[in-house]
Amino acid sequence: MKATKDSNENPAASFTEIGSLLGKKWHSLSAPEKDVYQKRSDEEKRVYELKMKEYKAMISQQQPVKAE
């Protein structure tokens, strides 16, 4: 499922219409086909949460800058 492919095939389609087309495609996928995307999503979420935790820890250790 690629949004760019659908938007290229339907250049006059609005953002909403492309979303609707992708939704229909998603609902037509079998469970094993959806699992591929779900696993990728789970991994991306795990990476995001780890990076956000590291970022927040870094920010909390910084000293605030004093305005002069």
Protein backbone atom coordinates (compact mmCIF):
# COMPACT_ATOMS: atom_id res chain seq x y z
CA MET A 1 0.00 0.00 0.00
CA LYS A 2 1.60 3.21 -1.13
CA ALA A 3 -0.15 6.56 -0.91
CA THR A 4 2.03 7.99 -3.68
CA LYS A 5 0.95 5.25 -6.07
CA ASP A 6 -2.70 6.00 -5.40
CA SER A 7 -2.20 9.74 -5.75
CA ASN A 8 -0.33 9.21 -9.04
CA GLU A 9 -3.11 6.98 -10.36
CA ASN A 10 -5.72 9.56 -9.28
CA PRO A 11 -4.05 12.95 -9.74
CA ALA A 12 -7.35 14.85 -9.45
CA ALA A 13 -8.30 13.10 -6.19
CA SER A 14 -8.35 15.19 -3.03
CA PHE A 15 -6.44 14.27 0.12
CA THR A 16 -9.72 12.99 1.60
CA GLU A 17 -10.44 10.84 -1.43
CA ILE A 18 -6.94 9.34 -1.36
CA GLY A 19 -7.46 8.53 2.32
CA SER A 20 -10.74 6.84 1.50
CA LEU A 21 -9.11 4.75 -1.24
CA LEU A 22 -6.33 3.69 1.11
CA GLY A 23 -8.87 2.82 3.81
CA LYS A 24 -10.74 0.57 1.39
CA LYS A 25 -7.49 -1.13 0.43
CA TRP A 26 -6.57 -1.63 4.09
CA HIS A 27 -9.91 -3.25 4.88
CA SER A 28 -9.54 -5.59 1.91
CA LEU A 29 -6.17 -6.96 3.11
CA SER A 30 -6.00 -10.34 4.81
CA ALA A 31 -4.73 -10.66 8.38
CA PRO A 32 -1.27 -11.92 7.29
CA GLU A 33 -0.94 -9.00 4.86
CA LYS A 34 -1.89 -6.53 7.60
CA ASP A 35 0.61 -8.16 9.99
CA VAL A 36 3.51 -6.98 7.83
CA TYR A 37 2.41 -3.36 8.24
CA GLN A 38 1.50 -3.79 11.91
CA LYS A 39 4.92 -5.20 12.75
CA ARG A 40 6.61 -2.32 10.95
CA SER A 41 4.39 0.14 12.80
CA ASP A 42 5.15 -1.49 16.15
CA GLU A 43 8.89 -1.28 15.50
CA GLU A 44 8.69 2.38 14.42
CA LYS A 45 6.67 3.18 17.55
CA ARG A 46 9.25 1.44 19.74
CA VAL A 47 12.09 3.44 18.13
CA TYR A 48 10.12 6.70 18.48
CA GLU A 49 9.40 6.08 22.16
CA LEU A 50 13.04 5.26 22.86
CA LYS A 51 14.27 8.39 21.09
CA MET A 52 11.67 10.53 22.85
CA LYS A 53 12.73 9.14 26.23
CA GLU A 54 16.37 9.96 25.43
CA TYR A 55 15.41 13.45 24.24
CA LYS A 56 13.37 14.20 27.36
CA ALA A 57 16.22 13.01 29.57
CA MET A 58 18.65 15.28 27.71
CA ILE A 59 16.31 18.28 27.97
CA SER A 60 15.75 17.77 31.69
CA GLN A 61 19.53 17.84 32.31
CA GLN A 62 20.09 21.13 30.51
CA GLN A 63 20.30 24.33 32.51
CA PRO A 64 17.86 27.03 31.53
CA VAL A 65 19.38 29.99 29.69
CA LYS A 66 19.17 33.23 31.66
CA ALA A 67 17.88 36.27 29.78
CA GLU A 68 20.13 39.27 30.14
